[in-house]
């Protein structure tokens, strides 16, 4: 059985994080992880968003 799911992943952050990034001239890089990534066969990032 092959299942194809196409869509978007949206990340939410607390409202206070925008104040933190706007108050620092060199904001830190945001990183995140995907749990159970090995179960995914293909992940294609949207280059317009990166």
PDB file of N, CA and C in Angstrom:
ATOM      1  N   UNK A   1       0.846  -1.176   0.000  1.00  0.00           N
ATOM      2  CA  UNK A   1       0.000   0.000   0.000  1.00  0.00           C
ATOM      3  C   UNK A   1       0.892   1.240   0.000  1.00  0.00           C
ATOM      4  N   UNK A   2       0.640   2.158  -0.902  1.00  0.00           N
ATOM      5  CA  UNK A   2       1.407   3.391  -0.999  1.00  0.00           C
ATOM      6  C   UNK A   2       0.489   4.558  -0.691  1.00  0.00           C
ATOM      7  N   UNK A   3       0.908   5.385   0.226  1.00  0.00           N
ATOM      8  CA  UNK A   3       0.132   6.569   0.599  1.00  0.00           C
ATOM      9  C   UNK A   3       0.991   7.791   0.336  1.00  0.00           C
ATOM     10  N   UNK A   4       0.433   8.753  -0.376  1.00  0.00           N
ATOM     11  CA  UNK A   4       1.154   9.993  -0.651  1.00  0.00           C
ATOM     12  C   UNK A   4       0.405  11.137   0.019  1.00  0.00           C
ATOM     13  N   UNK A   5       1.112  11.841   0.853  1.00  0.00           N
ATOM     14  CA  UNK A   5       0.519  12.997   1.525  1.00  0.00           C
ATOM     15  C   UNK A   5       1.296  14.224   1.075  1.00  0.00           C
ATOM     16  N   UNK A   6       0.611  15.166   0.491  1.00  0.00           N
ATOM     17  CA  UNK A   6       1.239  16.417   0.071  1.00  0.00           C
ATOM     18  C   UNK A   6       0.578  17.543   0.839  1.00  0.00           C
ATOM     19  N   UNK A   7       1.377  18.446   1.308  1.00  0.00           N
ATOM     20  CA  UNK A   7       0.793  19.552   2.062  1.00  0.00           C
ATOM     21  C   UNK A   7       1.869  20.448   2.629  1.00  0.00           C
ATOM     22  N   UNK A   8       1.497  21.189   3.626  1.00  0.00           N
ATOM     23  CA  UNK A   8       2.391  22.147   4.250  1.00  0.00           C
ATOM     24  C   UNK A   8       2.550  21.825   5.725  1.00  0.00           C
ATOM     25  N   UNK A   9       3.678  22.221   6.251  1.00  0.00           N
ATOM     26  CA  UNK A   9       3.897  22.108   7.677  1.00  0.00           C
ATOM     27  C   UNK A   9       4.025  23.530   8.214  1.00  0.00           C
ATOM     28  N   UNK A  10       3.237  23.852   9.195  1.00  0.00           N
ATOM     29  CA  UNK A  10       3.248  25.183   9.780  1.00  0.00           C
ATOM     30  C   UNK A  10       3.834  25.088  11.177  1.00  0.00           C
ATOM     31  N   UNK A  11       4.774  25.984  11.474  1.00  0.00           N
ATOM     32  CA  UNK A  11       5.371  26.041  12.799  1.00  0.00           C
ATOM     33  C   UNK A  11       4.826  27.257  13.524  1.00  0.00           C
ATOM     34  N   UNK A  12       4.459  27.083  14.766  1.00  0.00           N
ATOM     35  CA  UNK A  12       3.943  28.188  15.571  1.00  0.00           C
ATOM     36  C   UNK A  12       4.936  28.511  16.679  1.00  0.00           C
ATOM     37  N   UNK A  13       5.073  29.788  16.964  1.00  0.00           N
ATOM     38  CA  UNK A  13       5.959  30.253  18.017  1.00  0.00           C
ATOM     39  C   UNK A  13       5.185  31.194  18.930  1.00  0.00           C
ATOM     40  N   UNK A  14       5.592  31.310  20.197  1.00  0.00           N
ATOM     41  CA  UNK A  14       4.947  32.270  21.091  1.00  0.00           C
ATOM     42  C   UNK A  14       5.134  33.695  20.565  1.00  0.00           C
ATOM     43  N   UNK A  15       4.195  34.559  20.860  1.00  0.00           N
ATOM     44  CA  UNK A  15       4.246  35.938  20.364  1.00  0.00           C
ATOM     45  C   UNK A  15       5.497  36.667  20.843  1.00  0.00           C
ATOM     46  N   UNK A  16       5.994  36.333  22.012  1.00  0.00           N
ATOM     47  CA  UNK A  16       7.173  37.007  22.553  1.00  0.00           C
ATOM     48  C   UNK A  16       8.429  36.790  21.732  1.00  0.00           C
ATOM     49  N   UNK A  17       8.464  35.760  20.926  1.00  0.00           N
ATOM     50  CA  UNK A  17       9.669  35.490  20.135  1.00  0.00           C
ATOM     51  C   UNK A  17       9.885  36.567  19.079  1.00  0.00           C
ATOM     52  N   UNK A  18       8.822  37.169  18.584  1.00  0.00           N
ATOM     53  CA  UNK A  18       8.997  38.231  17.581  1.00  0.00           C
ATOM     54  C   UNK A  18       9.673  39.444  18.204  1.00  0.00           C
ATOM     55  N   UNK A  19       9.341  39.751  19.455  1.00  0.00           N
ATOM     56  CA  UNK A  19      10.023  40.856  20.146  1.00  0.00           C
ATOM     57  C   UNK A  19      11.502  40.532  20.330  1.00  0.00           C
ATOM     58  N   UNK A  20      11.795  39.286  20.653  1.00  0.00           N
ATOM     59  CA  UNK A  20      13.187  38.874  20.850  1.00  0.00           C
ATOM     60  C   UNK A  20      13.984  39.041  19.559  1.00  0.00           C
ATOM     61  N   UNK A  21      13.445  38.596  18.442  1.00  0.00           N
ATOM     62  CA  UNK A  21      14.171  38.697  17.179  1.00  0.00           C
ATOM     63  C   UNK A  21      14.273  40.137  16.693  1.00  0.00           C
ATOM     64  N   UNK A  22      13.255  40.935  16.931  1.00  0.00           N
ATOM     65  CA  UNK A  22      13.315  42.318  16.458  1.00  0.00           C
ATOM     66  C   UNK A  22      14.230  43.177  17.320  1.00  0.00           C
ATOM     67  N   UNK A  23      14.505  42.765  18.554  1.00  0.00           N
ATOM     68  CA  UNK A  23      15.360  43.563  19.433  1.00  0.00           C
ATOM     69  C   UNK A  23      16.837  43.189  19.327  1.00  0.00           C
ATOM     70  N   UNK A  24      17.175  42.155  18.586  1.00  0.00           N
ATOM     71  CA  UNK A  24      18.566  41.734  18.421  1.00  0.00           C
ATOM     72  C   UNK A  24      19.008  41.970  16.978  1.00  0.00           C
ATOM     73  N   UNK A  25      20.126  42.685  16.796  1.00  0.00           N
ATOM     74  CA  UNK A  25      20.586  42.937  15.423  1.00  0.00           C
ATOM     75  C   UNK A  25      21.023  41.662  14.695  1.00  0.00           C
ATOM     76  N   UNK A  26      21.525  40.675  15.435  1.00  0.00           N
ATOM     77  CA  UNK A  26      21.925  39.392  14.849  1.00  0.00           C
ATOM     78  C   UNK A  26      21.147  38.286  15.535  1.00  0.00           C
ATOM     79  N   UNK A  27      19.917  38.047  15.101  1.00  0.00           N
ATOM     80  CA  UNK A  27      19.112  37.020  15.777  1.00  0.00           C
ATOM     81  C   UNK A  27      19.711  35.631  15.585  1.00  0.00           C
ATOM     82  N   UNK A  28      19.536  34.759  16.569  1.00  0.00           N
ATOM     83  CA  UNK A  28      20.044  33.395  16.427  1.00  0.00           C
ATOM     84  C   UNK A  28      19.268  32.623  15.357  1.00  0.00           C
ATOM     85  N   UNK A  29      19.886  31.580  14.855  1.00  0.00           N
ATOM     86  CA  UNK A  29      19.259  30.735  13.835  1.00  0.00           C
ATOM     87  C   UNK A  29      18.254  29.809  14.509  1.00  0.00           C
ATOM     88  N   UNK A  30      17.067  29.724  13.946  1.00  0.00           N
ATOM     89  CA  UNK A  30      16.061  28.795  14.461  1.00  0.00           C
ATOM     90  C   UNK A  30      16.328  27.405  13.903  1.00  0.00           C
ATOM     91  N   UNK A  31      16.215  26.411  14.747  1.00  0.00           N
ATOM     92  CA  UNK A  31      16.345  25.028  14.306  1.00  0.00           C
ATOM     93  C   UNK A  31      15.186  24.219  14.870  1.00  0.00           C
ATOM     94  N   UNK A  32      14.836  23.154  14.196  1.00  0.00           N
ATOM     95  CA  UNK A  32      13.804  22.259  14.696  1.00  0.00           C
ATOM     96  C   UNK A  32      14.108  20.860  14.195  1.00  0.00           C
ATOM     97  N   UNK A  33      13.478  19.883  14.810  1.00  0.00           N
ATOM     98  CA  UNK A  33      13.671  18.496  14.403  1.00  0.00           C
ATOM     99  C   UNK A  33      12.317  17.857  14.120  1.00  0.00           C
ATOM    100  N   UNK A  34      12.343  16.837  13.308  1.00  0.00           N
ATOM    101  CA  UNK A  34      11.146  16.050  13.010  1.00  0.00           C
ATOM    102  C   UNK A  34      11.351  14.681  13.630  1.00  0.00           C
ATOM    103  N   UNK A  35      10.476  14.300  14.544  1.00  0.00           N
ATOM    104  CA  UNK A  35      10.605  12.981  15.162  1.00  0.00           C
ATOM    105  C   UNK A  35      10.116  11.909  14.194  1.00  0.00           C
ATOM    106  N   UNK A  36      10.694  10.754  14.275  1.00  0.00           N
ATOM    107  CA  UNK A  36      10.385   9.608  13.415  1.00  0.00           C
ATOM    108  C   UNK A  36      10.571   9.949  11.933  1.00  0.00           C
ATOM    109  N   UNK A  37      11.615  10.730  11.666  1.00  0.00           N
ATOM    110  CA  UNK A  37      11.919  11.141  10.294  1.00  0.00           C
ATOM    111  C   UNK A  37      12.188   9.937   9.392  1.00  0.00           C
ATOM    112  N   UNK A  38      12.701   8.855   9.952  1.00  0.00           N
ATOM    113  CA  UNK A  38      13.027   7.676   9.142  1.00  0.00           C
ATOM    114  C   UNK A  38      11.792   7.070   8.483  1.00  0.00           C
ATOM    115  N   UNK A  39      10.613   7.372   8.992  1.00  0.00           N
ATOM    116  CA  UNK A  39       9.384   6.842   8.400  1.00  0.00           C
ATOM    117  C   UNK A  39       8.964   7.621   7.155  1.00  0.00           C
ATOM    118  N   UNK A  40       9.574   8.780   6.929  1.00  0.00           N
ATOM    119  CA  UNK A  40       9.265   9.583   5.744  1.00  0.00           C
ATOM    120  C   UNK A  40      10.171   9.153   4.599  1.00  0.00           C
ATOM    121  N   UNK A  41       9.623   9.021   3.419  1.00  0.00           N
ATOM    122  CA  UNK A  41      10.416   8.620   2.263  1.00  0.00           C
ATOM    123  C   UNK A  41      10.978   9.818   1.516  1.00  0.00           C
ATOM    124  N   UNK A  42      10.258  10.917   1.500  1.00  0.00           N
ATOM    125  CA  UNK A  42      10.705  12.063   0.721  1.00  0.00           C
ATOM    126  C   UNK A  42      10.193  13.340   1.368  1.00  0.00           C
ATOM    127  N   UNK A  43      11.100  14.292   1.554  1.00  0.00           N
ATOM    128  CA  UNK A  43      10.735  15.602   2.091  1.00  0.00           C
ATOM    129  C   UNK A  43      11.287  16.639   1.125  1.00  0.00           C
ATOM    130  N   UNK A  44      10.411  17.483   0.605  1.00  0.00           N
ATOM    131  CA  UNK A  44      10.821  18.511  -0.345  1.00  0.00           C
ATOM    132  C   UNK A  44      10.518  19.887   0.239  1.00  0.00           C
ATOM    133  N   UNK A  45      11.545  20.646   0.636  1.00  0.00           N
ATOM    134  CA  UNK A  45      11.292  21.986   1.163  1.00  0.00           C
ATOM    135  C   UNK A  45      10.870  22.941   0.047  1.00  0.00           C
ATOM    136  N   UNK A  46      10.087  23.922   0.408  1.00  0.00           N
ATOM    137  CA  UNK A  46       9.658  24.945  -0.538  1.00  0.00           C
ATOM    138  C   UNK A  46      10.763  25.998  -0.617  1.00  0.00           C
ATOM    139  N   UNK A  47      11.479  26.110  -1.735  1.00  0.00           N
ATOM    140  CA  UNK A  47      12.601  27.052  -1.825  1.00  0.00           C
ATOM    141  C   UNK A  47      12.176  28.511  -1.678  1.00  0.00           C
ATOM    142  N   UNK A  48      10.923  28.832  -1.941  1.00  0.00           N
ATOM    143  CA  UNK A  48      10.452  30.203  -1.786  1.00  0.00           C
ATOM    144  C   UNK A  48      10.369  30.598  -0.319  1.00  0.00           C
ATOM    145  N   UNK A  49      10.257  29.615   0.567  1.00  0.00           N
ATOM    146  CA  UNK A  49      10.142  29.908   1.991  1.00  0.00           C
ATOM    147  C   UNK A  49      11.476  29.840   2.718  1.00  0.00           C
ATOM    148  N   UNK A  50      12.473  29.251   2.093  1.00  0.00           N
ATOM    149  CA  UNK A  50      13.772  29.101   2.766  1.00  0.00           C
ATOM    150  C   UNK A  50      14.656  30.292   2.544  1.00  0.00           C
TER     151      UNK A  50
END
